[in-house]
């Protein structure tokens, strides 16, 4: 499993390096500026452009949660979707629970699982905001 993860990481790093060499991100910034000038520089306009570019990137590079991603990366993807969602989510931990695993546990194991999951949620939420701040800088 660790070898597959490392190979996947190397493959993604190589693709990222190729995108940088080809000027992908510079073109993305030019496109962003053009779109913002067309839709307006309000918060809603910028959010619309960001959402559009995120979807475009995902389509182009097929960035999806796969079986080969580590459990933490799968959780991070779920946390990212929760934090970027526009709906009010009262109990985000409930969305992270693996019910097939959770249903098989005794009460003590369930409590430990929830505590570990909530700690992991806080960790991944902090990671999300750190990455978001570094992207906006």
N, C-alpha and C. Protein backbone atom coordinates (compact mmCIF):
# COMPACT_ATOMS: atom_id res chain seq x y z
N UNK A 1 0.83 -1.20 0.00
CA UNK A 1 0.00 0.00 0.00
C UNK A 1 0.87 1.26 0.00
N UNK A 2 1.92 1.28 0.84
CA UNK A 2 2.78 2.45 0.91
C UNK A 2 3.48 2.68 -0.42
N UNK A 3 3.86 1.59 -1.10
CA UNK A 3 4.53 1.72 -2.39
C UNK A 3 3.59 2.32 -3.43
N UNK A 4 2.32 1.88 -3.45
CA UNK A 4 1.35 2.45 -4.38
C UNK A 4 1.16 3.93 -4.11
N UNK A 5 1.08 4.29 -2.82
CA UNK A 5 0.89 5.69 -2.45
C UNK A 5 2.08 6.52 -2.91
N UNK A 6 3.30 6.01 -2.73
CA UNK A 6 4.49 6.74 -3.14
C UNK A 6 4.55 6.87 -4.66
N UNK A 7 4.19 5.81 -5.37
CA UNK A 7 4.17 5.90 -6.83
C UNK A 7 3.14 6.92 -7.29
N UNK A 8 2.00 6.94 -6.65
CA UNK A 8 0.96 7.91 -6.99
C UNK A 8 1.46 9.33 -6.70
N UNK A 9 2.15 9.51 -5.58
CA UNK A 9 2.70 10.81 -5.22
C UNK A 9 3.73 11.26 -6.25
N UNK A 10 4.61 10.35 -6.65
CA UNK A 10 5.62 10.70 -7.65
C UNK A 10 4.97 11.07 -8.98
N UNK A 11 3.94 10.32 -9.36
CA UNK A 11 3.23 10.60 -10.61
C UNK A 11 2.58 11.99 -10.56
N UNK A 12 1.95 12.30 -9.44
CA UNK A 12 1.31 13.61 -9.30
C UNK A 12 2.33 14.74 -9.31
N UNK A 13 3.48 14.50 -8.66
CA UNK A 13 4.54 15.52 -8.64
C UNK A 13 5.08 15.76 -10.04
N UNK A 14 5.26 14.69 -10.82
CA UNK A 14 5.72 14.83 -12.19
C UNK A 14 4.72 15.62 -13.03
N UNK A 15 3.44 15.31 -12.88
CA UNK A 15 2.41 16.05 -13.62
C UNK A 15 2.38 17.52 -13.22
N UNK A 16 2.55 17.80 -11.93
CA UNK A 16 2.57 19.19 -11.47
C UNK A 16 3.76 19.93 -12.06
N UNK A 17 4.90 19.27 -12.10
CA UNK A 17 6.11 19.88 -12.68
C UNK A 17 5.88 20.18 -14.16
N UNK A 18 5.26 19.26 -14.88
CA UNK A 18 4.98 19.47 -16.29
C UNK A 18 4.03 20.65 -16.50
N UNK A 19 3.02 20.77 -15.63
CA UNK A 19 2.09 21.90 -15.75
C UNK A 19 2.82 23.22 -15.55
N UNK A 20 3.76 23.25 -14.60
CA UNK A 20 4.51 24.48 -14.36
C UNK A 20 5.38 24.82 -15.56
N UNK A 21 6.06 23.83 -16.14
CA UNK A 21 6.93 24.08 -17.29
C UNK A 21 6.14 24.57 -18.49
N UNK A 22 4.94 24.07 -18.66
CA UNK A 22 4.12 24.42 -19.82
C UNK A 22 3.39 25.74 -19.63
N UNK A 23 3.52 26.37 -18.47
CA UNK A 23 2.88 27.66 -18.24
C UNK A 23 1.40 27.55 -17.93
N UNK A 24 0.97 26.38 -17.46
CA UNK A 24 -0.45 26.15 -17.18
C UNK A 24 -0.98 27.18 -16.19
N UNK A 25 -0.24 27.42 -15.11
CA UNK A 25 -0.75 28.29 -14.05
C UNK A 25 -0.76 29.76 -14.47
N UNK A 26 0.23 30.15 -15.30
CA UNK A 26 0.21 31.52 -15.81
C UNK A 26 -1.02 31.73 -16.70
N UNK A 27 -1.30 30.74 -17.54
CA UNK A 27 -2.49 30.82 -18.39
C UNK A 27 -3.76 30.85 -17.55
N UNK A 28 -3.77 30.05 -16.48
CA UNK A 28 -4.93 30.02 -15.57
C UNK A 28 -5.13 31.40 -14.94
N UNK A 29 -4.05 32.08 -14.57
CA UNK A 29 -4.18 33.42 -13.97
C UNK A 29 -4.68 34.43 -15.01
N UNK A 30 -4.18 34.34 -16.24
CA UNK A 30 -4.67 35.25 -17.29
C UNK A 30 -6.16 35.02 -17.53
N UNK A 31 -6.55 33.75 -17.61
CA UNK A 31 -7.97 33.43 -17.79
C UNK A 31 -8.80 33.95 -16.63
N UNK A 32 -8.27 33.82 -15.42
CA UNK A 32 -8.98 34.28 -14.23
C UNK A 32 -9.22 35.78 -14.30
N UNK A 33 -8.18 36.54 -14.63
CA UNK A 33 -8.30 37.99 -14.71
C UNK A 33 -9.33 38.39 -15.78
N UNK A 34 -9.29 37.70 -16.91
CA UNK A 34 -10.24 37.98 -17.98
C UNK A 34 -11.68 37.70 -17.53
N UNK A 35 -11.89 36.55 -16.89
CA UNK A 35 -13.23 36.19 -16.43
C UNK A 35 -13.73 37.16 -15.36
N UNK A 36 -12.84 37.55 -14.45
CA UNK A 36 -13.24 38.49 -13.39
C UNK A 36 -13.64 39.83 -14.01
N UNK A 37 -12.90 40.26 -15.03
CA UNK A 37 -13.27 41.54 -15.68
C UNK A 37 -14.64 41.43 -16.35
N UNK A 38 -15.00 40.22 -16.80
CA UNK A 38 -16.29 40.04 -17.46
C UNK A 38 -17.45 39.93 -16.47
N UNK A 39 -17.24 39.21 -15.35
CA UNK A 39 -18.34 39.00 -14.40
C UNK A 39 -18.35 40.00 -13.26
N UNK A 40 -17.27 40.73 -13.08
CA UNK A 40 -17.19 41.71 -12.01
C UNK A 40 -16.30 41.22 -10.90
N UNK A 41 -15.74 42.16 -10.16
CA UNK A 41 -14.78 41.80 -9.11
C UNK A 41 -15.42 41.73 -7.73
N UNK A 42 -16.72 41.51 -7.69
CA UNK A 42 -17.39 41.34 -6.41
C UNK A 42 -17.02 39.97 -5.83
N UNK A 43 -17.35 39.76 -4.58
CA UNK A 43 -17.08 38.47 -3.95
C UNK A 43 -17.77 37.34 -4.71
N UNK A 44 -19.02 37.54 -5.10
CA UNK A 44 -19.76 36.52 -5.81
C UNK A 44 -19.12 36.23 -7.17
N UNK A 45 -18.67 37.27 -7.85
CA UNK A 45 -18.02 37.09 -9.14
C UNK A 45 -16.73 36.30 -9.02
N UNK A 46 -15.93 36.65 -8.02
CA UNK A 46 -14.66 35.93 -7.81
C UNK A 46 -14.92 34.48 -7.41
N UNK A 47 -15.94 34.26 -6.60
CA UNK A 47 -16.27 32.90 -6.19
C UNK A 47 -16.73 32.08 -7.40
N UNK A 48 -17.53 32.69 -8.25
CA UNK A 48 -17.99 32.02 -9.46
C UNK A 48 -16.81 31.62 -10.35
N UNK A 49 -15.86 32.53 -10.51
CA UNK A 49 -14.67 32.25 -11.32
C UNK A 49 -13.84 31.14 -10.68
N UNK A 50 -13.66 31.19 -9.37
CA UNK A 50 -12.89 30.16 -8.67
C UNK A 50 -13.55 28.79 -8.82
N UNK A 51 -14.86 28.75 -8.66
CA UNK A 51 -15.58 27.48 -8.81
C UNK A 51 -15.44 26.95 -10.23
N UNK A 52 -15.55 27.84 -11.21
CA UNK A 52 -15.41 27.44 -12.61
C UNK A 52 -14.02 26.87 -12.86
N UNK A 53 -12.99 27.56 -12.36
CA UNK A 53 -11.63 27.10 -12.61
C UNK A 53 -11.34 25.79 -11.88
N UNK A 54 -11.89 25.62 -10.70
CA UNK A 54 -11.71 24.37 -9.97
C UNK A 54 -12.32 23.20 -10.74
N UNK A 55 -13.52 23.42 -11.26
CA UNK A 55 -14.17 22.38 -12.05
C UNK A 55 -13.39 22.08 -13.33
N UNK A 56 -12.87 23.12 -13.95
CA UNK A 56 -12.08 22.94 -15.17
C UNK A 56 -10.83 22.11 -14.86
N UNK A 57 -10.15 22.44 -13.79
CA UNK A 57 -8.95 21.70 -13.39
C UNK A 57 -9.30 20.24 -13.12
N UNK A 58 -10.37 20.01 -12.37
CA UNK A 58 -10.78 18.64 -12.05
C UNK A 58 -11.11 17.85 -13.30
N UNK A 59 -11.76 18.49 -14.27
CA UNK A 59 -12.07 17.80 -15.52
C UNK A 59 -10.79 17.48 -16.29
N UNK A 60 -9.88 18.44 -16.35
CA UNK A 60 -8.67 18.25 -17.14
C UNK A 60 -7.74 17.20 -16.55
N UNK A 61 -7.65 17.16 -15.25
CA UNK A 61 -6.68 16.26 -14.62
C UNK A 61 -7.34 15.14 -13.83
N UNK A 62 -8.67 15.04 -13.95
CA UNK A 62 -9.42 13.94 -13.34
C UNK A 62 -9.04 13.74 -11.87
N UNK A 63 -9.12 14.82 -11.11
CA UNK A 63 -8.79 14.76 -9.69
C UNK A 63 -10.03 14.26 -8.95
N UNK A 64 -9.99 13.02 -8.55
CA UNK A 64 -11.10 12.41 -7.83
C UNK A 64 -10.57 11.60 -6.67
N UNK A 65 -11.45 11.28 -5.74
CA UNK A 65 -11.08 10.40 -4.65
C UNK A 65 -11.01 8.99 -5.21
N UNK A 66 -9.88 8.37 -5.09
CA UNK A 66 -9.72 7.03 -5.64
C UNK A 66 -9.41 6.03 -4.54
N UNK A 67 -9.48 4.76 -4.91
CA UNK A 67 -9.18 3.70 -3.95
C UNK A 67 -7.73 3.75 -3.53
N UNK A 68 -6.88 4.35 -4.35
CA UNK A 68 -5.45 4.37 -4.06
C UNK A 68 -5.06 5.48 -3.09
N UNK A 69 -5.96 6.39 -2.81
CA UNK A 69 -5.65 7.45 -1.87
C UNK A 69 -5.61 6.89 -0.46
N UNK A 70 -4.76 7.45 0.35
CA UNK A 70 -4.70 7.00 1.73
C UNK A 70 -6.00 7.39 2.44
N UNK A 71 -6.24 6.78 3.55
CA UNK A 71 -7.46 7.07 4.31
C UNK A 71 -7.50 8.54 4.72
N UNK A 72 -6.34 9.07 5.13
CA UNK A 72 -6.29 10.48 5.51
C UNK A 72 -6.64 11.40 4.34
N UNK A 73 -6.15 11.07 3.15
CA UNK A 73 -6.46 11.89 1.99
C UNK A 73 -7.94 11.80 1.62
N UNK A 74 -8.53 10.61 1.79
CA UNK A 74 -9.96 10.48 1.54
C UNK A 74 -10.74 11.31 2.55
N UNK A 75 -10.33 11.27 3.82
CA UNK A 75 -10.99 12.09 4.83
C UNK A 75 -10.80 13.57 4.53
N UNK A 76 -9.59 13.94 4.10
CA UNK A 76 -9.32 15.34 3.78
C UNK A 76 -10.24 15.81 2.66
N UNK A 77 -10.44 14.97 1.67
CA UNK A 77 -11.33 15.32 0.57
C UNK A 77 -12.75 15.56 1.08
N UNK A 78 -13.21 14.71 1.99
CA UNK A 78 -14.55 14.88 2.58
C UNK A 78 -14.61 16.18 3.39
N UNK A 79 -13.56 16.45 4.19
CA UNK A 79 -13.52 17.66 5.00
C UNK A 79 -13.53 18.89 4.10
N UNK A 80 -12.76 18.85 3.03
CA UNK A 80 -12.71 19.98 2.09
C UNK A 80 -14.10 20.24 1.50
N UNK A 81 -14.80 19.19 1.11
CA UNK A 81 -16.14 19.35 0.55
C UNK A 81 -17.11 19.92 1.59
N UNK A 82 -16.98 19.48 2.84
CA UNK A 82 -17.83 20.00 3.92
C UNK A 82 -17.58 21.48 4.11
N UNK A 83 -16.30 21.87 4.17
CA UNK A 83 -15.95 23.27 4.43
C UNK A 83 -16.30 24.18 3.25
N UNK A 84 -16.25 23.67 2.04
CA UNK A 84 -16.56 24.48 0.87
C UNK A 84 -18.05 24.50 0.54
N UNK A 85 -18.82 23.66 1.20
CA UNK A 85 -20.24 23.60 0.92
C UNK A 85 -20.94 24.85 1.46
N UNK A 86 -21.97 25.27 0.78
CA UNK A 86 -22.71 26.46 1.19
C UNK A 86 -23.78 26.17 2.24
N UNK A 87 -24.06 24.89 2.48
CA UNK A 87 -25.11 24.56 3.44
C UNK A 87 -24.56 24.57 4.86
N UNK A 88 -25.43 24.79 5.82
CA UNK A 88 -25.08 24.78 7.23
C UNK A 88 -25.01 23.33 7.70
N UNK A 89 -23.84 22.91 8.13
CA UNK A 89 -23.65 21.53 8.58
C UNK A 89 -23.43 21.56 10.09
N UNK A 90 -24.38 21.01 10.82
CA UNK A 90 -24.33 21.05 12.27
C UNK A 90 -23.38 20.00 12.83
N UNK A 91 -23.37 18.80 12.25
CA UNK A 91 -22.53 17.73 12.75
C UNK A 91 -21.66 17.15 11.64
N UNK A 92 -20.51 17.79 11.37
CA UNK A 92 -19.67 17.31 10.28
C UNK A 92 -19.06 15.93 10.56
N UNK A 93 -18.88 15.59 11.81
CA UNK A 93 -18.30 14.29 12.16
C UNK A 93 -19.19 13.16 11.66
N UNK A 94 -20.50 13.35 11.72
CA UNK A 94 -21.42 12.31 11.26
C UNK A 94 -21.22 12.03 9.77
N UNK A 95 -20.79 13.04 9.01
CA UNK A 95 -20.56 12.83 7.58
C UNK A 95 -19.26 12.09 7.31
N UNK A 96 -18.37 12.08 8.30
CA UNK A 96 -17.08 11.43 8.12
C UNK A 96 -17.07 9.97 8.56
N UNK A 97 -18.09 9.57 9.30
CA UNK A 97 -18.13 8.22 9.86
C UNK A 97 -18.24 7.18 8.74
N UNK A 98 -17.42 6.15 8.85
CA UNK A 98 -17.52 4.99 7.96
C UNK A 98 -18.52 4.05 8.62
N UNK A 99 -19.77 4.10 8.17
CA UNK A 99 -20.84 3.35 8.84
C UNK A 99 -20.64 1.84 8.81
N UNK A 100 -20.04 1.32 7.75
CA UNK A 100 -19.81 -0.12 7.70
C UNK A 100 -18.85 -0.56 8.81
N UNK A 101 -17.89 0.28 9.11
CA UNK A 101 -16.94 0.00 10.19
C UNK A 101 -17.57 0.28 11.55
N UNK A 102 -18.25 1.42 11.64
CA UNK A 102 -18.82 1.89 12.90
C UNK A 102 -19.89 0.93 13.44
N UNK A 103 -20.73 0.39 12.57
CA UNK A 103 -21.82 -0.49 12.99
C UNK A 103 -21.33 -1.79 13.62
N UNK A 104 -20.12 -2.19 13.32
CA UNK A 104 -19.57 -3.43 13.86
C UNK A 104 -18.91 -3.26 15.23
N UNK A 105 -18.80 -2.03 15.71
CA UNK A 105 -18.06 -1.74 16.95
C UNK A 105 -18.94 -1.86 18.18
N UNK A 106 -18.29 -2.15 19.30
CA UNK A 106 -18.99 -2.09 20.59
C UNK A 106 -19.00 -0.63 21.04
N UNK A 107 -19.71 -0.35 22.13
CA UNK A 107 -19.89 1.04 22.57
C UNK A 107 -18.57 1.75 22.88
N UNK A 108 -17.67 1.07 23.54
CA UNK A 108 -16.39 1.68 23.89
C UNK A 108 -15.59 2.01 22.62
N UNK A 109 -15.58 1.11 21.69
CA UNK A 109 -14.87 1.34 20.43
C UNK A 109 -15.51 2.48 19.64
N UNK A 110 -16.82 2.58 19.69
CA UNK A 110 -17.52 3.66 19.00
C UNK A 110 -17.11 5.02 19.58
N UNK A 111 -17.03 5.10 20.91
CA UNK A 111 -16.63 6.35 21.54
C UNK A 111 -15.20 6.73 21.15
N UNK A 112 -14.29 5.75 21.19
CA UNK A 112 -12.90 6.00 20.82
C UNK A 112 -12.83 6.44 19.35
N UNK A 113 -13.58 5.78 18.48
CA UNK A 113 -13.60 6.10 17.06
C UNK A 113 -14.06 7.54 16.84
N UNK A 114 -15.13 7.94 17.51
CA UNK A 114 -15.65 9.31 17.37
C UNK A 114 -14.61 10.33 17.86
N UNK A 115 -13.97 10.05 18.99
CA UNK A 115 -12.95 10.97 19.50
C UNK A 115 -11.77 11.09 18.53
N UNK A 116 -11.33 9.97 18.00
CA UNK A 116 -10.22 9.99 17.04
C UNK A 116 -10.63 10.71 15.76
N UNK A 117 -11.84 10.48 15.33
CA UNK A 117 -12.34 11.12 14.12
C UNK A 117 -12.48 12.63 14.31
N UNK A 118 -12.91 13.05 15.49
CA UNK A 118 -13.04 14.49 15.73
C UNK A 118 -11.67 15.16 15.80
N UNK A 119 -10.68 14.48 16.37
CA UNK A 119 -9.32 15.02 16.38
C UNK A 119 -8.78 15.12 14.95
N UNK A 120 -9.04 14.11 14.16
CA UNK A 120 -8.60 14.10 12.76
C UNK A 120 -9.30 15.21 11.98
N UNK A 121 -10.59 15.44 12.27
CA UNK A 121 -11.32 16.51 11.61
C UNK A 121 -10.69 17.86 11.91
N UNK A 122 -10.36 18.11 13.17
CA UNK A 122 -9.72 19.38 13.54
C UNK A 122 -8.38 19.54 12.80
N UNK A 123 -7.60 18.46 12.76
CA UNK A 123 -6.31 18.49 12.09
C UNK A 123 -6.47 18.80 10.59
N UNK A 124 -7.41 18.12 9.95
CA UNK A 124 -7.62 18.32 8.52
C UNK A 124 -8.26 19.67 8.21
N UNK A 125 -9.09 20.16 9.13
CA UNK A 125 -9.68 21.48 8.95
C UNK A 125 -8.59 22.55 9.02
N UNK A 126 -7.66 22.40 9.97
CA UNK A 126 -6.53 23.34 10.06
C UNK A 126 -5.68 23.28 8.79
N UNK A 127 -5.44 22.07 8.28
CA UNK A 127 -4.69 21.91 7.04
C UNK A 127 -5.38 22.63 5.89
N UNK A 128 -6.70 22.46 5.81
CA UNK A 128 -7.47 23.11 4.74
C UNK A 128 -7.29 24.62 4.78
N UNK A 129 -7.44 25.22 5.97
CA UNK A 129 -7.32 26.67 6.07
C UNK A 129 -5.89 27.15 5.83
N UNK A 130 -4.89 26.38 6.25
CA UNK A 130 -3.50 26.75 5.96
C UNK A 130 -3.25 26.74 4.46
N UNK A 131 -3.74 25.69 3.78
CA UNK A 131 -3.56 25.60 2.33
C UNK A 131 -4.32 26.71 1.61
N UNK A 132 -5.50 27.02 2.11
CA UNK A 132 -6.31 28.07 1.50
C UNK A 132 -5.61 29.43 1.65
N UNK A 133 -5.01 29.67 2.82
CA UNK A 133 -4.30 30.94 3.04
C UNK A 133 -3.06 31.02 2.16
N UNK A 134 -2.35 29.90 2.01
CA UNK A 134 -1.14 29.94 1.18
C UNK A 134 -1.49 30.13 -0.30
N UNK A 135 -2.64 29.63 -0.73
CA UNK A 135 -3.06 29.83 -2.12
C UNK A 135 -3.47 31.26 -2.38
N UNK A 136 -4.05 31.92 -1.37
CA UNK A 136 -4.54 33.28 -1.58
C UNK A 136 -3.42 34.31 -1.44
N UNK A 137 -2.28 33.90 -0.90
CA UNK A 137 -1.17 34.84 -0.74
C UNK A 137 -0.42 35.05 -2.02
